[in-house]
Amino acid sequence: MLAEARELIFASVTTSLVIAAVQGIICGGAFAIVGLDSPVFWGIVMAFFFLSLLPGGGRVASMDSRAIWLFSTGQLGSRNHP
């Protein structure tokens, strides 16, 4: 039973790390496509800082804060960001 529990924990952690990397790559690419500054930085924040272990954690920290900032500065939908 302990061996099976160890395998399950290893599989869960490994899967979380792979999902975190994929999430960072996809979201960093999305930031680059829409022209936001520092897409690599925000991709790393989403992937490795939160490691996708907190549901919505990476998204809330980066995408929502960027959307609020763009909306408050009147640049929503604009490709000319400072």
Protein backbone atom coordinates (compact mmCIF):
# COMPACT_ATOMS: atom_id res chain seq x y z
CA MET A 1 0.00 0.00 0.00
CA LEU A 2 2.87 2.39 0.79
CA ALA A 3 4.51 1.68 -2.56
CA GLU A 4 1.28 2.42 -4.38
CA ALA A 5 0.84 5.65 -2.39
CA ARG A 6 4.41 6.69 -3.26
CA GLU A 7 3.77 6.02 -6.96
CA LEU A 8 0.54 8.02 -6.84
CA ILE A 9 2.24 10.98 -5.17
CA PHE A 10 5.09 10.88 -7.69
CA ALA A 11 2.64 10.74 -10.60
CA SER A 12 0.61 13.64 -9.19
CA VAL A 13 3.64 15.88 -8.68
CA THR A 14 5.09 15.01 -12.08
CA THR A 15 1.78 15.71 -13.78
CA SER A 16 1.45 19.04 -11.99
CA LEU A 17 4.91 20.10 -13.15
CA VAL A 18 4.16 19.15 -16.76
CA ILE A 19 0.85 21.00 -16.67
CA ALA A 20 2.61 24.04 -15.18
CA ALA A 21 5.15 24.07 -18.00
CA VAL A 22 2.44 23.73 -20.66
CA GLN A 23 0.38 26.48 -19.02
CA GLY A 24 3.38 28.81 -18.96
CA ILE A 25 4.24 28.16 -22.60
CA ILE A 26 0.68 28.63 -23.82
CA CYS A 27 0.01 31.77 -21.80
CA GLY A 28 3.42 33.29 -22.55
CA GLY A 29 2.74 32.66 -26.23
CA ALA A 30 -0.71 34.24 -25.92
CA PHE A 31 0.83 37.32 -24.31
CA ALA A 32 3.35 37.54 -27.16
CA ILE A 33 0.63 37.17 -29.80
CA VAL A 34 -1.46 40.01 -28.38
CA GLY A 35 1.62 42.20 -27.98
CA LEU A 36 1.86 42.56 -24.22
CA ASP A 37 5.24 43.41 -22.81
CA SER A 38 7.37 40.77 -21.06
CA PRO A 39 5.54 37.65 -22.25
CA VAL A 40 8.40 35.39 -21.13
CA PHE A 41 8.32 36.85 -17.62
CA TRP A 42 4.56 36.39 -17.30
CA GLY A 43 4.78 32.88 -18.70
CA ILE A 44 7.37 32.00 -16.07
CA VAL A 45 5.22 33.56 -13.35
CA MET A 46 2.27 31.48 -14.44
CA ALA A 47 4.24 28.27 -14.86
CA PHE A 48 6.73 28.12 -12.05
CA PHE A 49 5.65 30.56 -9.36
CA PHE A 50 2.23 28.98 -8.98
CA LEU A 51 3.09 25.58 -10.52
CA SER A 52 -0.58 25.20 -11.41
CA LEU A 53 -1.21 23.79 -7.95
CA LEU A 54 -3.55 26.61 -7.02
CA PRO A 55 -6.60 26.50 -9.26
CA GLY A 56 -6.58 29.70 -11.27
CA GLY A 57 -3.61 31.04 -9.31
CA GLY A 58 -1.35 31.77 -12.26
CA ARG A 59 -4.21 33.13 -14.32
CA VAL A 60 -5.44 35.43 -11.57
CA ALA A 61 -1.96 36.75 -10.82
CA SER A 62 -1.04 37.56 -14.38
CA MET A 63 -3.90 37.62 -16.86
CA ASP A 64 -6.52 39.28 -14.69
CA SER A 65 -4.10 41.89 -13.34
CA ARG A 66 -2.95 42.70 -16.89
CA ALA A 67 -6.56 42.95 -18.09
CA ILE A 68 -7.44 45.31 -15.23
CA TRP A 69 -4.37 47.43 -15.96
CA LEU A 70 -5.12 47.62 -19.70
CA PHE A 71 -8.77 48.45 -19.04
CA SER A 72 -7.93 51.17 -16.49
CA THR A 73 -5.43 52.83 -18.86
CA GLY A 74 -7.79 52.71 -21.84
CA GLN A 75 -5.63 50.34 -23.86
CA LEU A 76 -8.00 47.39 -24.02
CA GLY A 77 -7.85 46.01 -27.55
CA SER A 78 -4.91 48.20 -28.51
CA ARG A 79 -1.67 46.69 -29.80
CA ASN A 80 0.30 49.84 -28.86
CA HIS A 81 1.23 49.22 -25.26
CA PRO A 82 3.80 51.27 -23.35
